[in-house]
């Protein structure tokens, strides 16, 4: 097993760490430099009547870090036998996690995006809830049936549940109504199709006297997201265990991306994006009107409410091609909690994770856990709670994101042990296409060869 974990560390060097969004009675986040420190003997603490301390790693910073600290504070105040110490790991979190597991000093709980679940599970770095739930007298099948089906699908690898979300993300398109009026469009008739989006956004670009971009209508990117709307299958067929990047619908997304690069000067787009690269909270370019359309998650509604309360905007499902597209489509991901192999406190870790998720804790999750982050729940049971419905109604657009969770046209990144590698190579192929360095079909042919080779290597290793 130790060799397996060492192998994972080597793989982790390739993994792109994704970022999203204490002691005493306070849960101020511990610095990453102290993340490996463990408390003194838990048995000694228990004998003295002190709470068992568990270490909780997460990826949030800025406003989000404060949200997490407040949530942890609530848990600590209501669970006197357990004390959770949050630790912010904003960069290289995956590799640091695997190093800690291999060295025998892992955190007890780690929240990360779901891309790492299959790889970590395949290498034996994390425990399944199938084996953890019975330790606290709970049935894992009850937990699985409580989740949205797609949440269970994302967290499941080889039939076992390894990742448990406490919040989910689906994605929709925001548009600026004032800019619609400025260019003579009806703000109450946003685009439904890709063809309509292409036409409308073209009217919204602005340049300065030097020809540099001042405002972008829309510039597409993020293949995994748009592939769903185009009727693709995320590049993989689970029934045949084959990759399908070269299927026509998957290639069409890249062709659409490149059509924008040919129409607009990609070097100027790059310069614009560089000057607007920080999108955290109040710096999101959509708030200042520098982009007319933006694709993002429900948490952005809090940013609008807090930093641009007078912004006139709308929210719509992703536009889709007239030919072969799918309405109400979205790629979906979430903030998933995993418990490492080697945790010193598995029972306490599971209790904390279940509380965060809202399992048998729906009312607290609906009122105090999800709303501060602007998040979607992991279960329809939470979405149905009166407190959550009341919060959703405060900003009508929220209901659109909640309803989208039940759409049949949601897709996820395939849960396979090269999940993160595949995502990384998709990003590379997309970059080559958008910068006119490869034709879309050739980029997808090469992408498929790369991912197939890596997948076969992992499968043949037997680890």
Protein backbone atom coordinates (compact mmCIF):
# COMPACT_ATOMS: atom_id res chain seq x y z
CA UNK A 1 0.00 0.00 0.00
CA UNK A 2 2.84 2.39 0.79
CA UNK A 3 4.17 1.89 -2.73
CA UNK A 4 0.73 2.71 -4.05
CA UNK A 5 0.64 5.95 -2.15
CA UNK A 6 4.12 6.90 -3.31
CA UNK A 7 2.91 6.31 -6.86
CA UNK A 8 0.00 8.61 -6.20
CA UNK A 9 2.36 11.36 -5.09
CA UNK A 10 4.20 11.12 -8.39
CA UNK A 11 0.90 11.32 -10.26
CA UNK A 12 -0.14 14.25 -8.12
CA UNK A 13 2.62 16.36 -9.58
CA UNK A 14 0.50 16.48 -12.71
CA UNK A 15 -2.73 17.23 -10.93
CA UNK A 16 -4.11 20.73 -11.24
CA UNK A 17 -5.28 21.87 -7.84
CA UNK A 18 -8.65 23.61 -8.19
CA UNK A 19 -9.80 26.48 -6.01
CA UNK A 20 -13.20 27.87 -5.80
CA UNK A 21 -14.86 29.59 -4.23
CA UNK A 22 -8.26 26.69 15.36
CA UNK A 23 -8.15 26.42 18.86
CA UNK A 24 -10.42 27.31 21.72
CA UNK A 25 -13.98 28.32 20.88
CA UNK A 26 -12.93 29.89 17.59
CA UNK A 27 -12.18 28.07 14.34
CA UNK A 28 -9.69 30.48 12.80
CA UNK A 29 -8.02 28.62 9.98
CA UNK A 30 -4.58 27.22 10.72
CA UNK A 31 -1.81 28.04 8.26
CA UNK A 32 -0.75 25.33 5.84
CA UNK A 33 2.72 25.20 7.41
CA UNK A 34 1.16 23.72 10.55
CA UNK A 35 -1.13 21.35 8.70
CA UNK A 36 0.91 18.28 9.55
CA UNK A 37 0.90 18.85 13.29
CA UNK A 38 -1.22 16.36 15.18
CA UNK A 39 -2.79 16.75 18.56
CA UNK A 40 -1.43 14.84 21.53
CA UNK A 41 -2.85 11.42 22.23
CA UNK A 42 -6.58 11.31 21.53
CA UNK A 43 -6.93 8.66 24.22
CA UNK A 44 -5.39 10.98 26.79
CA UNK A 45 -7.75 13.75 25.70
CA UNK A 46 -10.74 11.46 26.02
CA UNK A 47 -9.69 10.39 29.51
CA UNK A 48 -9.48 14.02 30.58
CA UNK A 49 -12.92 14.73 29.16
CA UNK A 50 -11.51 16.90 26.40
CA UNK A 51 -12.98 16.84 22.88
CA UNK A 52 -11.32 14.78 20.18
CA UNK A 53 -9.65 17.18 17.76
CA UNK A 54 -9.88 16.45 14.05
CA UNK A 55 -8.00 18.31 11.35
CA UNK A 56 -10.02 19.56 8.41
CA UNK A 57 -8.26 20.66 5.23
CA UNK A 58 -10.09 22.83 2.72
CA UNK A 59 -9.24 24.92 -0.35
CA UNK A 60 -10.98 28.23 0.37
CA UNK A 61 -9.49 31.69 0.87
CA UNK A 62 -10.78 35.26 1.10
CA UNK A 63 -14.52 35.62 1.77
CA UNK A 64 -15.01 31.88 1.38
CA UNK A 65 -12.53 31.08 4.12
CA UNK A 66 -14.57 33.17 6.55
CA UNK A 67 -17.70 31.28 5.54
CA UNK A 68 -16.02 27.95 6.25
CA UNK A 69 -14.67 29.13 9.61
CA UNK A 70 -18.15 30.22 10.68
CA UNK A 71 -19.63 26.88 9.65
CA UNK A 72 -16.96 24.98 11.59
CA UNK A 73 -17.62 27.20 14.60
CA UNK A 74 -21.25 26.09 14.53
CA UNK A 75 -20.25 22.44 14.51
CA UNK A 76 -17.82 22.90 17.39
CA UNK A 77 -20.42 24.68 19.51
CA UNK A 78 -23.01 21.95 18.98
CA UNK A 79 -20.65 18.94 19.29
CA UNK A 80 -18.79 19.25 22.61
CA UNK A 81 -17.05 15.87 22.16
CA UNK A 82 -15.40 16.88 18.85
CA UNK A 83 -13.33 19.92 17.95
CA UNK A 84 -12.64 20.59 14.26
CA UNK A 85 -9.52 22.55 13.34
CA UNK A 86 -9.83 24.02 9.80
CA UNK A 87 -6.70 24.36 7.69
CA UNK A 88 -6.65 26.37 4.44
CA UNK A 89 -4.55 24.73 1.69
CA UNK A 90 -5.05 27.08 -1.27
CA UNK A 91 -2.35 25.64 -3.55
CA UNK A 92 -0.97 22.18 -4.38
CA UNK A 93 -3.53 20.75 -1.98
CA UNK A 94 -3.79 17.39 -3.73
CA UNK A 95 -0.07 16.69 -3.65
CA UNK A 96 0.20 17.87 -0.04
CA UNK A 97 -2.69 15.60 0.89
CA UNK A 98 -1.10 12.55 -0.71
CA UNK A 99 2.25 13.30 0.86
CA UNK A 100 0.57 13.51 4.26
CA UNK A 101 -1.23 10.20 3.68
CA UNK A 102 1.97 8.45 2.64
CA UNK A 103 3.85 9.79 5.66
CA UNK A 104 1.13 8.73 8.08
CA UNK A 105 0.11 12.26 9.07
CA UNK A 106 -3.04 12.93 7.03
CA UNK A 107 -5.82 15.31 7.97
CA UNK A 108 -9.02 13.65 9.10
CA UNK A 109 -11.22 15.29 6.45
CA UNK A 110 -10.36 17.00 3.16
CA UNK A 111 -12.74 19.05 1.00
CA UNK A 112 -11.72 19.22 -2.65
CA UNK A 113 -13.40 19.29 -6.02
CA UNK A 114 -14.56 15.89 -7.22
CA UNK A 115 -11.89 15.42 -9.91
CA UNK A 116 -9.59 13.61 -7.49
CA UNK A 117 -12.01 10.99 -6.16
CA UNK A 118 -11.39 8.18 -8.65
CA UNK A 119 -7.60 8.57 -8.65
CA UNK A 120 -7.35 8.66 -4.87
CA UNK A 121 -9.75 5.72 -4.47
CA UNK A 122 -7.98 3.66 -7.12
CA UNK A 123 -4.68 4.08 -5.30
CA UNK A 124 -6.04 3.29 -1.86
CA UNK A 125 -5.48 6.78 -0.45
CA UNK A 126 -9.03 7.31 0.82
CA UNK A 127 -11.66 5.29 2.65
CA UNK A 128 -15.14 4.51 1.38
CA UNK A 129 -18.25 5.50 3.25
CA UNK A 130 -19.43 1.93 2.67
CA UNK A 131 -16.90 0.85 5.30
CA UNK A 132 -17.10 3.99 7.46
CA UNK A 133 -20.85 4.33 7.96
CA UNK A 134 -21.31 1.03 9.87
CA UNK A 135 -18.69 2.22 12.37
CA UNK A 136 -21.17 4.83 13.61
CA UNK A 137 -24.24 2.63 13.28
CA UNK A 138 -25.50 4.09 10.00
CA UNK A 139 -26.49 2.39 6.73
CA UNK A 140 -24.66 3.59 3.66
CA UNK A 141 -27.56 2.60 1.38
CA UNK A 142 -29.80 5.04 3.23
CA UNK A 143 -27.22 7.77 2.66
CA UNK A 144 -26.93 6.94 -1.04
CA UNK A 145 -30.70 7.06 -1.58
CA UNK A 146 -30.84 10.40 0.26
CA UNK A 147 -28.47 12.07 -2.23
CA UNK A 148 -29.37 13.50 -5.61
CA UNK A 149 -28.60 10.61 -8.02
CA UNK A 150 -25.98 12.66 -9.82
CA UNK A 151 -24.22 13.44 -6.52
CA UNK A 152 -24.02 9.75 -5.76
CA UNK A 153 -22.70 9.10 -9.27
CA UNK A 154 -19.92 11.66 -8.90
CA UNK A 155 -18.79 10.27 -5.54
CA UNK A 156 -18.93 6.59 -6.48
CA UNK A 157 -16.01 4.55 -7.79
CA UNK A 158 -16.30 0.83 -8.52
CA UNK A 159 -19.58 0.63 -6.66
CA UNK A 160 -18.44 2.28 -3.44
CA UNK A 161 -19.07 5.82 -2.22
CA UNK A 162 -15.75 7.60 -1.63
CA UNK A 163 -16.76 11.24 -1.88
CA UNK A 164 -19.62 12.97 -0.10
CA UNK A 165 -20.54 16.52 -1.13
CA UNK A 166 -21.79 19.20 1.16
CA UNK A 167 -22.46 21.58 -1.71
CA UNK A 168 -22.92 21.29 -5.45
CA UNK A 169 -22.44 23.53 -8.47
CA UNK A 170 -24.37 23.67 -11.70
CA UNK A 171 -23.84 26.44 -14.21
CA UNK A 172 -25.97 28.94 -16.09
CA UNK A 173 -25.43 32.02 -18.23
CA UNK A 174 -25.60 35.52 -16.75
CA UNK A 175 -26.32 38.44 -19.08
CA UNK A 176 -26.28 42.21 -18.64
CA UNK A 177 -29.70 43.71 -19.43
CA UNK A 178 -28.41 47.27 -19.64
CA UNK A 179 -25.97 46.29 -22.39
CA UNK A 180 -28.84 44.60 -24.24
CA UNK A 181 -30.73 47.89 -24.26
CA UNK A 182 -27.61 49.82 -25.23
CA UNK A 183 -27.22 47.81 -28.45
CA UNK A 184 -30.93 47.78 -29.27
CA UNK A 185 -31.83 44.28 -28.07
CA UNK A 186 -34.80 43.31 -25.93
CA UNK A 187 -33.43 42.36 -22.47
CA UNK A 188 -36.45 40.13 -21.94
CA UNK A 189 -35.56 38.01 -24.97
CA UNK A 190 -32.13 36.51 -24.22
CA UNK A 191 -30.62 33.86 -26.50
CA UNK A 192 -31.91 30.30 -26.41
CA UNK A 193 -29.66 28.84 -29.08
CA UNK A 194 -25.97 29.09 -29.89
CA UNK A 195 -26.85 30.78 -33.14
CA UNK A 196 -28.76 33.50 -31.29
CA UNK A 197 -25.95 33.92 -28.77
CA UNK A 198 -23.40 34.33 -31.56
CA UNK A 199 -25.48 37.03 -33.20
CA UNK A 200 -26.35 38.97 -30.03
CA UNK A 201 -22.95 39.01 -28.39
CA UNK A 202 -21.30 40.27 -31.59
CA UNK A 203 -23.07 43.61 -31.13
CA UNK A 204 -21.63 44.12 -27.65
CA UNK A 205 -17.86 44.33 -28.14
CA UNK A 206 -16.14 47.66 -27.47
CA UNK A 207 -12.63 48.84 -28.34
CA UNK A 208 -10.58 51.87 -27.32
CA UNK A 209 -8.77 54.27 -29.68
CA UNK A 210 -5.81 51.87 -29.87
CA UNK A 211 -8.00 48.99 -30.90
CA UNK A 212 -7.70 47.24 -27.54
CA UNK A 213 -10.75 45.50 -26.10
CA UNK A 214 -12.72 47.43 -23.51
CA UNK A 215 -15.70 45.10 -23.35
CA UNK A 216 -16.30 41.56 -24.54
CA UNK A 217 -19.72 40.38 -25.61
CA UNK A 218 -18.87 36.74 -25.05
CA UNK A 219 -15.89 34.52 -25.76
CA UNK A 220 -16.50 30.79 -25.28
CA UNK A 221 -14.31 28.34 -23.41
CA UNK A 222 -14.50 25.40 -20.99
CA UNK A 223 -15.07 22.40 -23.23
CA UNK A 224 -16.46 20.10 -20.50
CA UNK A 225 -19.23 22.57 -19.74
CA UNK A 226 -20.33 23.31 -23.30
CA UNK A 227 -19.98 19.73 -24.53
CA UNK A 228 -23.10 18.89 -22.57
CA UNK A 229 -25.17 21.58 -24.31
CA UNK A 230 -23.83 20.45 -27.68
CA UNK A 231 -25.16 16.93 -27.06
CA UNK A 232 -21.75 15.40 -26.41
CA UNK A 233 -20.81 12.74 -23.87
CA UNK A 234 -17.80 14.27 -22.10
CA UNK A 235 -15.46 12.21 -24.25
CA UNK A 236 -16.12 8.81 -22.67
CA UNK A 237 -18.64 5.98 -23.00
CA UNK A 238 -18.93 4.09 -19.68
CA UNK A 239 -20.82 1.22 -21.31
CA UNK A 240 -17.92 0.39 -23.62
CA UNK A 241 -15.13 1.87 -21.48
CA UNK A 242 -13.96 3.75 -24.59
CA UNK A 243 -13.02 7.39 -25.15
CA UNK A 244 -15.09 9.32 -27.68
CA UNK A 245 -13.42 12.70 -28.07
CA UNK A 246 -13.55 12.38 -31.86
CA UNK A 247 -17.34 11.97 -31.98
CA UNK A 248 -18.87 14.76 -34.11
CA UNK A 249 -20.72 16.52 -31.27
CA UNK A 250 -17.56 16.62 -29.15
CA UNK A 251 -15.53 18.07 -32.02
CA UNK A 252 -18.19 20.69 -32.77
CA UNK A 253 -17.55 22.38 -29.43
CA UNK A 254 -13.92 22.96 -30.38
CA UNK A 255 -14.96 24.17 -33.82
CA UNK A 256 -17.23 26.71 -32.16
CA UNK A 257 -14.41 27.89 -29.91
CA UNK A 258 -12.09 28.34 -32.88
CA UNK A 259 -14.69 30.27 -34.85
CA UNK A 260 -14.43 33.02 -32.22
CA UNK A 261 -10.64 33.00 -32.35
CA UNK A 262 -10.82 33.53 -36.10
CA UNK A 263 -13.36 36.34 -35.78
CA UNK A 264 -11.64 38.19 -32.94
CA UNK A 265 -7.94 38.85 -32.38
CA UNK A 266 -6.98 36.16 -29.88
CA UNK A 267 -3.92 38.12 -28.76
CA UNK A 268 -6.17 41.03 -27.78
CA UNK A 269 -8.55 38.64 -26.04
CA UNK A 270 -5.61 37.22 -24.10
CA UNK A 271 -4.54 40.72 -23.08
CA UNK A 272 -8.06 41.50 -21.92
CA UNK A 273 -8.30 38.26 -19.95
CA UNK A 274 -4.91 38.85 -18.35
CA UNK A 275 -6.02 42.24 -17.06
CA UNK A 276 -9.19 40.63 -15.70
CA UNK A 277 -7.67 37.38 -14.45
CA UNK A 278 -8.68 37.85 -10.82
CA UNK A 279 -12.37 36.96 -10.72
CA UNK A 280 -12.73 36.51 -6.97
CA UNK A 281 -15.79 38.09 -5.37
CA UNK A 282 -15.96 41.84 -6.19
CA UNK A 283 -13.36 41.54 -9.00
CA UNK A 284 -15.57 39.41 -11.26
CA UNK A 285 -15.59 41.33 -14.60
CA UNK A 286 -19.31 40.78 -15.10
CA UNK A 287 -20.02 43.05 -12.12
CA UNK A 288 -18.34 46.03 -13.79
CA UNK A 289 -19.88 45.43 -17.22
CA UNK A 290 -16.61 44.43 -18.85
CA UNK A 291 -18.26 41.28 -20.17
CA UNK A 292 -21.87 41.15 -21.34
CA UNK A 293 -22.32 37.39 -20.91
CA UNK A 294 -20.72 35.13 -18.30
CA UNK A 295 -21.17 31.49 -17.35
CA UNK A 296 -20.96 30.79 -13.63
CA UNK A 297 -22.60 29.24 -10.58
CA UNK A 298 -25.29 30.24 -8.12
CA UNK A 299 -22.81 31.60 -5.57
CA UNK A 300 -22.23 34.56 -7.91
CA UNK A 301 -25.67 35.86 -6.97
CA UNK A 302 -24.23 36.73 -3.56
CA UNK A 303 -21.40 38.68 -5.24
CA UNK A 304 -23.97 40.63 -7.27
CA UNK A 305 -26.10 41.31 -4.21
CA UNK A 306 -23.09 42.40 -2.16
CA UNK A 307 -20.93 44.27 -4.66
CA UNK A 308 -23.27 45.36 -7.49
CA UNK A 309 -26.79 45.56 -6.06
CA UNK A 310 -28.01 47.88 -8.84
CA UNK A 311 -26.83 45.63 -11.67
CA UNK A 312 -29.59 44.80 -14.13
CA UNK A 313 -29.04 41.19 -15.13
CA UNK A 314 -30.74 37.96 -16.07
CA UNK A 315 -29.90 34.25 -15.76
CA UNK A 316 -30.67 31.67 -18.44
CA UNK A 317 -29.79 28.03 -19.20
CA UNK A 318 -26.84 27.47 -21.50
CA UNK A 319 -27.76 28.16 -25.12
CA UNK A 320 -27.54 25.06 -27.30
CA UNK A 321 -27.15 24.36 -31.04
CA UNK A 322 -30.33 24.04 -33.06
CA UNK A 323 -28.95 20.84 -34.55
CA UNK A 324 -28.29 18.15 -31.95
CA UNK A 325 -28.11 20.37 -28.88
CA UNK A 326 -29.71 19.83 -25.49
CA UNK A 327 -31.73 22.40 -23.51
CA UNK A 328 -31.29 22.86 -19.77
CA UNK A 329 -27.85 21.31 -19.93
CA UNK A 330 -24.95 21.76 -17.57
CA UNK A 331 -21.74 20.14 -16.51
CA UNK A 332 -21.91 19.68 -12.76
CA UNK A 333 -19.36 19.39 -9.98
CA UNK A 334 -19.17 19.95 -6.25
CA UNK A 335 -17.20 20.33 -3.06
CA UNK A 336 -16.66 16.76 -1.93
CA UNK A 337 -15.44 15.53 1.43
CA UNK A 338 -13.06 12.61 1.51
CA UNK A 339 -11.59 10.77 4.49
CA UNK A 340 -7.99 9.57 4.11
CA UNK A 341 -6.60 6.16 4.83
CA UNK A 342 -4.71 6.52 8.08
CA UNK A 343 -7.04 8.99 9.78
CA UNK A 344 -6.69 8.73 13.55
CA UNK A 345 -10.33 9.61 14.12
CA UNK A 346 -12.56 7.94 11.50
CA UNK A 347 -15.75 7.98 13.56
CA UNK A 348 -15.46 11.67 14.41
CA UNK A 349 -14.50 12.47 10.81
CA UNK A 350 -17.64 10.77 9.48
CA UNK A 351 -19.82 12.59 11.99
CA UNK A 352 -18.42 15.93 10.85
CA UNK A 353 -18.82 15.08 7.15
CA UNK A 354 -22.42 13.94 7.58
CA UNK A 355 -23.24 17.11 9.49
CA UNK A 356 -21.67 19.24 6.72
CA UNK A 357 -23.60 17.34 4.06
CA UNK A 358 -26.86 17.81 5.92
CA UNK A 359 -27.63 14.12 6.33
CA UNK A 360 -30.20 13.87 9.14
CA UNK A 361 -29.33 17.53 9.63
CA UNK A 362 -31.39 19.05 6.83
CA UNK A 363 -32.76 22.00 8.76
CA UNK A 364 -29.34 23.27 9.86
CA UNK A 365 -27.88 22.74 6.39
CA UNK A 366 -30.81 24.58 4.81
CA UNK A 367 -30.52 27.56 7.13
CA UNK A 368 -26.92 27.89 8.29
CA UNK A 369 -24.55 25.87 6.07
CA UNK A 370 -25.56 26.34 2.42
CA UNK A 371 -26.95 29.92 2.27
CA UNK A 372 -23.77 31.69 3.49
CA UNK A 373 -21.84 30.18 0.57
CA UNK A 374 -24.64 30.51 -1.97
CA UNK A 375 -24.49 26.76 -2.57
CA UNK A 376 -26.73 24.06 -3.94
CA UNK A 377 -27.56 21.09 -1.68
CA UNK A 378 -26.48 17.49 -2.10
CA UNK A 379 -30.00 16.20 -1.48
CA UNK A 380 -33.51 17.17 -2.58
CA UNK A 381 -34.50 16.75 1.09
CA UNK A 382 -32.52 19.90 1.89
CA UNK A 383 -33.86 21.77 -1.14
CA UNK A 384 -37.39 21.11 0.14
CA UNK A 385 -36.71 22.58 3.59
CA UNK A 386 -38.77 25.75 4.29
CA UNK A 387 -35.68 27.71 5.37
CA UNK A 388 -33.90 26.86 2.12
CA UNK A 389 -36.95 27.72 0.04
CA UNK A 390 -37.24 31.03 1.89
CA UNK A 391 -33.59 31.80 1.14
CA UNK A 392 -34.01 30.83 -2.53
CA UNK A 393 -36.98 33.17 -2.85
CA UNK A 394 -34.91 36.16 -1.69
CA UNK A 395 -33.26 36.21 -5.15
CA UNK A 396 -35.63 34.68 -7.74
CA UNK A 397 -32.78 33.58 -10.03
CA UNK A 398 -31.67 31.07 -7.40
CA UNK A 399 -34.63 28.84 -8.16
CA UNK A 400 -33.33 28.36 -11.70
CA UNK A 401 -30.11 26.82 -10.39
CA UNK A 402 -31.97 24.62 -7.90
CA UNK A 403 -34.42 23.40 -10.54
CA UNK A 404 -31.55 22.65 -12.93
CA UNK A 405 -30.29 19.99 -10.49
CA UNK A 406 -33.19 17.80 -11.64
CA UNK A 407 -32.55 18.25 -15.37
CA UNK A 408 -31.95 15.04 -17.37
CA UNK A 409 -29.27 16.89 -19.33
CA UNK A 410 -26.65 17.18 -16.59
CA UNK A 411 -23.29 15.53 -17.14
CA UNK A 412 -20.18 14.93 -15.08
CA UNK A 413 -16.54 14.32 -15.80
CA UNK A 414 -16.24 10.52 -16.10
CA UNK A 415 -15.35 8.90 -12.77
CA UNK A 416 -12.24 7.05 -13.93
CA UNK A 417 -8.73 6.97 -12.44
CA UNK A 418 -7.36 9.37 -15.07
CA UNK A 419 -10.12 11.89 -14.43
CA UNK A 420 -7.86 14.80 -13.53
CA UNK A 421 -5.28 13.93 -16.18
CA UNK A 422 -8.04 13.90 -18.77
CA UNK A 423 -9.29 17.29 -17.62
CA UNK A 424 -5.79 18.71 -17.84
CA UNK A 425 -5.25 17.41 -21.39
CA UNK A 426 -8.66 18.73 -22.47
CA UNK A 427 -7.56 22.15 -21.28
CA UNK A 428 -4.35 21.87 -23.26
CA UNK A 429 -6.20 20.83 -26.43
CA UNK A 430 -8.64 23.70 -25.99
CA UNK A 431 -5.79 26.17 -25.65
CA UNK A 432 -4.17 24.93 -28.86
CA UNK A 433 -7.46 25.18 -30.75
CA UNK A 434 -8.28 28.67 -29.47
CA UNK A 435 -4.81 29.92 -30.37
CA UNK A 436 -5.12 28.49 -33.90
CA UNK A 437 -2.23 26.08 -33.38
CA UNK A 438 -4.31 22.99 -34.18
CA UNK A 439 -7.43 22.26 -36.13
CA UNK A 440 -10.28 21.04 -33.90
CA UNK A 441 -10.48 17.49 -35.25
CA UNK A 442 -6.73 16.96 -35.07
CA UNK A 443 -6.67 18.32 -31.53
CA UNK A 444 -9.34 15.82 -30.51
CA UNK A 445 -7.57 12.94 -32.26
CA UNK A 446 -4.37 13.76 -30.39
CA UNK A 447 -6.27 14.24 -27.14
CA UNK A 448 -7.89 10.85 -27.44
CA UNK A 449 -4.53 9.16 -28.04
CA UNK A 450 -2.99 10.87 -25.00
CA UNK A 451 -5.80 9.97 -22.62
CA UNK A 452 -6.13 6.41 -23.93
CA UNK A 453 -2.41 5.83 -23.41
CA UNK A 454 -2.51 7.15 -19.85
CA UNK A 455 -5.63 5.13 -19.07
CA UNK A 456 -4.07 1.91 -20.34
CA UNK A 457 -0.92 2.61 -18.35
CA UNK A 458 -2.90 3.05 -15.14
CA UNK A 459 -5.03 -0.03 -15.80
CA UNK A 460 -2.05 -2.23 -16.65
CA UNK A 461 -0.13 -1.12 -13.56
CA UNK A 462 -2.63 -2.96 -11.40
CA UNK A 463 -2.40 -0.22 -8.79
